Amino acid sequence: MTVLTTVDSADAAAALARDAVESRSAACAQVSGPVTSVYRWKGEIETAQEWQVLLKTTAGAYPALEARLRAGHPYDTPEIIATPVTHGSADYLAWVAAEVAP
């Protein structure tokens, strides 16, 4: 499964990525950005620079990953979106599973 979140700085993105991998709730994380986000917040249209963090994990490790992201996230309402991986390299998916195993 892949999990996407966004934050307001490269440092915050790197911190979330490192914490997720160190805690073994994600096998790896990729930080990209800045990206421009346009969204409605509290009745206003906002535009902001954000950094995306794409994390690779398993369904079993997802609850721990979500909890860590929420705990370390700078936003009141963080974007945390999980997408199941329906196909992928068997070797890579086995590596992901091994890296998040307790």
N, C-alpha and C. Protein backbone atom coordinates (compact mmCIF):
# COMPACT_ATOMS: atom_id res chain seq x y z
N MET A 1 0.84 -1.16 0.00
CA MET A 1 0.00 0.00 0.00
C MET A 1 0.90 1.23 0.00
N THR A 2 0.43 2.27 -0.65
CA THR A 2 1.13 3.54 -0.59
C THR A 2 0.30 4.50 0.23
N VAL A 3 0.97 5.38 0.94
CA VAL A 3 0.31 6.37 1.79
C VAL A 3 0.90 7.73 1.45
N LEU A 4 0.03 8.68 1.21
CA LEU A 4 0.45 10.03 0.83
C LEU A 4 0.05 11.01 1.91
N THR A 5 0.98 11.91 2.24
CA THR A 5 0.67 13.03 3.10
C THR A 5 1.41 14.25 2.57
N THR A 6 0.99 15.43 2.97
CA THR A 6 1.66 16.66 2.58
C THR A 6 1.90 17.51 3.82
N VAL A 7 3.01 18.27 3.78
CA VAL A 7 3.36 19.17 4.88
C VAL A 7 3.88 20.47 4.30
N ASP A 8 4.12 21.43 5.19
CA ASP A 8 4.45 22.79 4.75
C ASP A 8 5.94 23.10 4.62
N SER A 9 6.80 22.10 4.81
CA SER A 9 8.23 22.37 4.67
C SER A 9 8.99 21.08 4.35
N ALA A 10 10.14 21.26 3.73
CA ALA A 10 11.01 20.12 3.43
C ALA A 10 11.48 19.45 4.73
N ASP A 11 11.77 20.25 5.74
CA ASP A 11 12.22 19.69 7.02
C ASP A 11 11.14 18.82 7.66
N ALA A 12 9.90 19.29 7.65
CA ALA A 12 8.80 18.51 8.23
C ALA A 12 8.59 17.23 7.45
N ALA A 13 8.71 17.29 6.12
CA ALA A 13 8.56 16.10 5.29
C ALA A 13 9.66 15.09 5.60
N ALA A 14 10.88 15.56 5.70
CA ALA A 14 12.00 14.67 6.00
C ALA A 14 11.84 14.03 7.37
N ALA A 15 11.36 14.79 8.33
CA ALA A 15 11.17 14.26 9.68
C ALA A 15 10.11 13.17 9.70
N LEU A 16 8.98 13.38 9.01
CA LEU A 16 7.95 12.35 8.95
C LEU A 16 8.47 11.10 8.25
N ALA A 17 9.19 11.30 7.15
CA ALA A 17 9.73 10.18 6.39
C ALA A 17 10.69 9.36 7.24
N ARG A 18 11.62 10.03 7.88
CA ARG A 18 12.62 9.33 8.70
C ARG A 18 11.96 8.59 9.87
N ASP A 19 11.02 9.24 10.54
CA ASP A 19 10.35 8.61 11.67
C ASP A 19 9.60 7.35 11.23
N ALA A 20 8.92 7.42 10.10
CA ALA A 20 8.16 6.26 9.62
C ALA A 20 9.08 5.08 9.31
N VAL A 21 10.22 5.36 8.69
CA VAL A 21 11.14 4.28 8.34
C VAL A 21 11.86 3.75 9.60
N GLU A 22 12.31 4.66 10.47
CA GLU A 22 12.98 4.23 11.70
C GLU A 22 12.08 3.37 12.57
N SER A 23 10.79 3.70 12.61
CA SER A 23 9.84 2.96 13.45
C SER A 23 9.36 1.67 12.79
N ARG A 24 9.76 1.44 11.54
CA ARG A 24 9.37 0.28 10.75
C ARG A 24 7.88 0.26 10.44
N SER A 25 7.23 1.43 10.49
CA SER A 25 5.83 1.50 10.05
C SER A 25 5.75 1.74 8.55
N ALA A 26 6.88 2.10 7.93
CA ALA A 26 6.99 2.19 6.47
C ALA A 26 8.34 1.64 6.07
N ALA A 27 8.39 1.00 4.91
CA ALA A 27 9.65 0.45 4.41
C ALA A 27 10.51 1.54 3.80
N CYS A 28 9.88 2.50 3.16
CA CYS A 28 10.61 3.62 2.58
C CYS A 28 9.65 4.79 2.40
N ALA A 29 10.24 5.94 2.17
CA ALA A 29 9.45 7.15 1.96
C ALA A 29 10.17 8.02 0.95
N GLN A 30 9.41 8.64 0.08
CA GLN A 30 9.96 9.55 -0.90
C GLN A 30 9.38 10.93 -0.64
N VAL A 31 10.25 11.92 -0.61
CA VAL A 31 9.83 13.31 -0.41
C VAL A 31 9.98 14.03 -1.74
N SER A 32 8.94 14.72 -2.16
CA SER A 32 9.02 15.52 -3.37
C SER A 32 8.37 16.87 -3.14
N GLY A 33 8.86 17.84 -3.87
CA GLY A 33 8.29 19.17 -3.73
C GLY A 33 9.34 20.23 -3.95
N PRO A 34 8.95 21.44 -3.89
CA PRO A 34 7.59 21.83 -3.49
C PRO A 34 6.58 21.63 -4.60
N VAL A 35 5.34 21.42 -4.20
CA VAL A 35 4.20 21.40 -5.10
C VAL A 35 3.28 22.54 -4.69
N THR A 36 2.46 22.98 -5.59
CA THR A 36 1.49 24.02 -5.28
C THR A 36 0.15 23.38 -5.02
N SER A 37 -0.41 23.63 -3.85
CA SER A 37 -1.72 23.09 -3.49
C SER A 37 -2.73 24.23 -3.46
N VAL A 38 -3.89 23.97 -4.02
CA VAL A 38 -5.01 24.92 -3.98
C VAL A 38 -6.16 24.19 -3.30
N TYR A 39 -6.70 24.79 -2.25
CA TYR A 39 -7.72 24.10 -1.46
C TYR A 39 -8.60 25.13 -0.74
N ARG A 40 -9.75 24.66 -0.28
CA ARG A 40 -10.65 25.49 0.51
C ARG A 40 -10.41 25.16 1.98
N TRP A 41 -10.19 26.17 2.79
CA TRP A 41 -9.98 25.98 4.22
C TRP A 41 -10.71 27.09 4.97
N LYS A 42 -11.63 26.67 5.84
CA LYS A 42 -12.42 27.61 6.65
C LYS A 42 -13.10 28.67 5.78
N GLY A 43 -13.67 28.20 4.66
CA GLY A 43 -14.45 29.08 3.79
C GLY A 43 -13.66 29.92 2.81
N GLU A 44 -12.34 29.80 2.81
CA GLU A 44 -11.51 30.60 1.92
C GLU A 44 -10.72 29.69 0.98
N ILE A 45 -10.47 30.18 -0.22
CA ILE A 45 -9.60 29.46 -1.16
C ILE A 45 -8.16 29.83 -0.82
N GLU A 46 -7.35 28.83 -0.58
CA GLU A 46 -5.95 29.01 -0.20
C GLU A 46 -5.04 28.42 -1.28
N THR A 47 -3.86 28.98 -1.41
CA THR A 47 -2.81 28.44 -2.25
C THR A 47 -1.54 28.39 -1.41
N ALA A 48 -0.88 27.24 -1.41
CA ALA A 48 0.30 27.07 -0.56
C ALA A 48 1.32 26.16 -1.22
N GLN A 49 2.58 26.35 -0.87
CA GLN A 49 3.62 25.41 -1.25
C GLN A 49 3.64 24.30 -0.21
N GLU A 50 3.69 23.07 -0.69
CA GLU A 50 3.75 21.93 0.21
C GLU A 50 4.75 20.90 -0.32
N TRP A 51 5.14 20.00 0.54
CA TRP A 51 6.01 18.88 0.18
C TRP A 51 5.21 17.61 0.38
N GLN A 52 5.30 16.71 -0.58
CA GLN A 52 4.60 15.43 -0.50
C GLN A 52 5.53 14.36 0.05
N VAL A 53 4.97 13.51 0.87
CA VAL A 53 5.68 12.34 1.37
C VAL A 53 4.88 11.12 0.94
N LEU A 54 5.50 10.27 0.13
CA LEU A 54 4.88 9.04 -0.32
C LEU A 54 5.56 7.88 0.39
N LEU A 55 4.79 7.14 1.16
CA LEU A 55 5.33 6.06 1.99
C LEU A 55 4.84 4.72 1.49
N LYS A 56 5.70 3.70 1.63
CA LYS A 56 5.34 2.34 1.23
C LYS A 56 5.23 1.49 2.49
N THR A 57 4.08 0.81 2.63
CA THR A 57 3.83 0.00 3.82
C THR A 57 2.91 -1.15 3.46
N THR A 58 2.42 -1.84 4.46
CA THR A 58 1.45 -2.92 4.26
C THR A 58 0.15 -2.56 4.97
N ALA A 59 -0.91 -3.27 4.63
CA ALA A 59 -2.19 -3.03 5.30
C ALA A 59 -2.07 -3.28 6.80
N GLY A 60 -1.30 -4.29 7.17
CA GLY A 60 -1.13 -4.59 8.59
C GLY A 60 -0.38 -3.51 9.35
N ALA A 61 0.56 -2.85 8.70
CA ALA A 61 1.34 -1.80 9.36
C ALA A 61 0.69 -0.43 9.24
N TYR A 62 -0.37 -0.32 8.43
CA TYR A 62 -0.98 0.99 8.21
C TYR A 62 -1.46 1.69 9.50
N PRO A 63 -2.15 1.01 10.42
CA PRO A 63 -2.62 1.72 11.62
C PRO A 63 -1.47 2.39 12.40
N ALA A 64 -0.35 1.70 12.53
CA ALA A 64 0.80 2.29 13.24
C ALA A 64 1.36 3.48 12.46
N LEU A 65 1.41 3.35 11.13
CA LEU A 65 1.90 4.46 10.32
C LEU A 65 0.99 5.67 10.44
N GLU A 66 -0.30 5.46 10.33
CA GLU A 66 -1.23 6.59 10.46
C GLU A 66 -1.08 7.26 11.82
N ALA A 67 -0.96 6.48 12.88
CA ALA A 67 -0.80 7.05 14.22
C ALA A 67 0.47 7.89 14.30
N ARG A 68 1.57 7.41 13.73
CA ARG A 68 2.83 8.16 13.76
C ARG A 68 2.71 9.43 12.95
N LEU A 69 2.09 9.35 11.77
CA LEU A 69 1.92 10.54 10.94
C LEU A 69 1.08 11.58 11.67
N ARG A 70 -0.02 11.16 12.28
CA ARG A 70 -0.86 12.10 13.03
C ARG A 70 -0.09 12.75 14.19
N ALA A 71 0.67 11.95 14.90
CA ALA A 71 1.40 12.46 16.06
C ALA A 71 2.46 13.48 15.67
N GLY A 72 3.11 13.28 14.52
CA GLY A 72 4.20 14.16 14.13
C GLY A 72 3.83 15.22 13.13
N HIS A 73 2.58 15.25 12.71
CA HIS A 73 2.16 16.14 11.62
C HIS A 73 1.90 17.55 12.12
N PRO A 74 2.35 18.57 11.36
CA PRO A 74 2.13 19.95 11.79
C PRO A 74 0.72 20.48 11.51
N TYR A 75 -0.10 19.77 10.76
CA TYR A 75 -1.44 20.27 10.40
C TYR A 75 -2.50 19.78 11.38
N ASP A 76 -3.54 20.59 11.57
CA ASP A 76 -4.68 20.19 12.40
C ASP A 76 -5.46 19.05 11.75
N THR A 77 -5.59 19.12 10.43
CA THR A 77 -6.32 18.12 9.66
C THR A 77 -5.41 17.61 8.55
N PRO A 78 -4.51 16.68 8.87
CA PRO A 78 -3.54 16.26 7.87
C PRO A 78 -4.17 15.40 6.78
N GLU A 79 -3.66 15.57 5.58
CA GLU A 79 -4.00 14.67 4.48
C GLU A 79 -3.22 13.38 4.71
N ILE A 80 -3.95 12.30 4.90
CA ILE A 80 -3.34 10.97 5.00
C ILE A 80 -4.22 10.07 4.16
N ILE A 81 -3.72 9.71 2.97
CA ILE A 81 -4.51 8.93 2.02
C ILE A 81 -3.77 7.64 1.71
N ALA A 82 -4.44 6.51 1.93
CA ALA A 82 -3.85 5.20 1.66
C ALA A 82 -4.47 4.62 0.40
N THR A 83 -3.61 4.08 -0.45
CA THR A 83 -4.05 3.46 -1.70
C THR A 83 -3.50 2.04 -1.75
N PRO A 84 -4.37 1.06 -1.93
CA PRO A 84 -3.86 -0.31 -2.01
C PRO A 84 -3.06 -0.52 -3.29
N VAL A 85 -2.04 -1.36 -3.19
CA VAL A 85 -1.26 -1.75 -4.36
C VAL A 85 -1.85 -3.07 -4.84
N THR A 86 -2.42 -3.05 -6.04
CA THR A 86 -3.05 -4.25 -6.57
C THR A 86 -2.10 -5.11 -7.38
N HIS A 87 -1.05 -4.50 -7.92
CA HIS A 87 -0.04 -5.22 -8.69
C HIS A 87 1.32 -4.59 -8.38
N GLY A 88 2.35 -5.39 -8.46
CA GLY A 88 3.69 -4.87 -8.24
C GLY A 88 4.71 -5.99 -8.31
N SER A 89 5.96 -5.60 -8.35
CA SER A 89 7.05 -6.55 -8.37
C SER A 89 7.00 -7.40 -7.09
N ALA A 90 6.95 -8.70 -7.26
CA ALA A 90 6.88 -9.59 -6.10
C ALA A 90 8.06 -9.39 -5.17
N ASP A 91 9.25 -9.22 -5.73
CA ASP A 91 10.44 -9.02 -4.91
C ASP A 91 10.33 -7.73 -4.10
N TYR A 92 9.87 -6.67 -4.74
CA TYR A 92 9.75 -5.38 -4.05
C TYR A 92 8.69 -5.46 -2.95
N LEU A 93 7.55 -6.04 -3.25
CA LEU A 93 6.49 -6.13 -2.25
C LEU A 93 6.90 -7.01 -1.08
N ALA A 94 7.68 -8.05 -1.34
CA ALA A 94 8.20 -8.89 -0.26
C ALA A 94 9.17 -8.09 0.61
N TRP A 95 9.99 -7.24 -0.03
CA TRP A 95 10.92 -6.40 0.72
C TRP A 95 10.15 -5.43 1.62
N VAL A 96 9.10 -4.81 1.08
CA VAL A 96 8.28 -3.90 1.89
C VAL A 96 7.73 -4.64 3.10
N ALA A 97 7.17 -5.81 2.87
CA ALA A 97 6.58 -6.58 3.97
C ALA A 97 7.63 -6.94 5.02
N ALA A 98 8.82 -7.31 4.58
CA ALA A 98 9.89 -7.68 5.52
C ALA A 98 10.35 -6.47 6.34
N GLU A 99 10.38 -5.31 5.73
CA GLU A 99 10.88 -4.11 6.42
C GLU A 99 9.91 -3.58 7.47
N VAL A 100 8.63 -3.87 7.33
CA VAL A 100 7.66 -3.39 8.32
C VAL A 100 7.23 -4.48 9.28
N ALA A 101 7.80 -5.67 9.14
CA ALA A 101 7.45 -6.77 10.04
C ALA A 101 7.95 -6.47 11.44
N PRO A 102 7.18 -6.84 12.45
CA PRO A 102 7.60 -6.58 13.85
C PRO A 102 8.85 -7.36 14.23
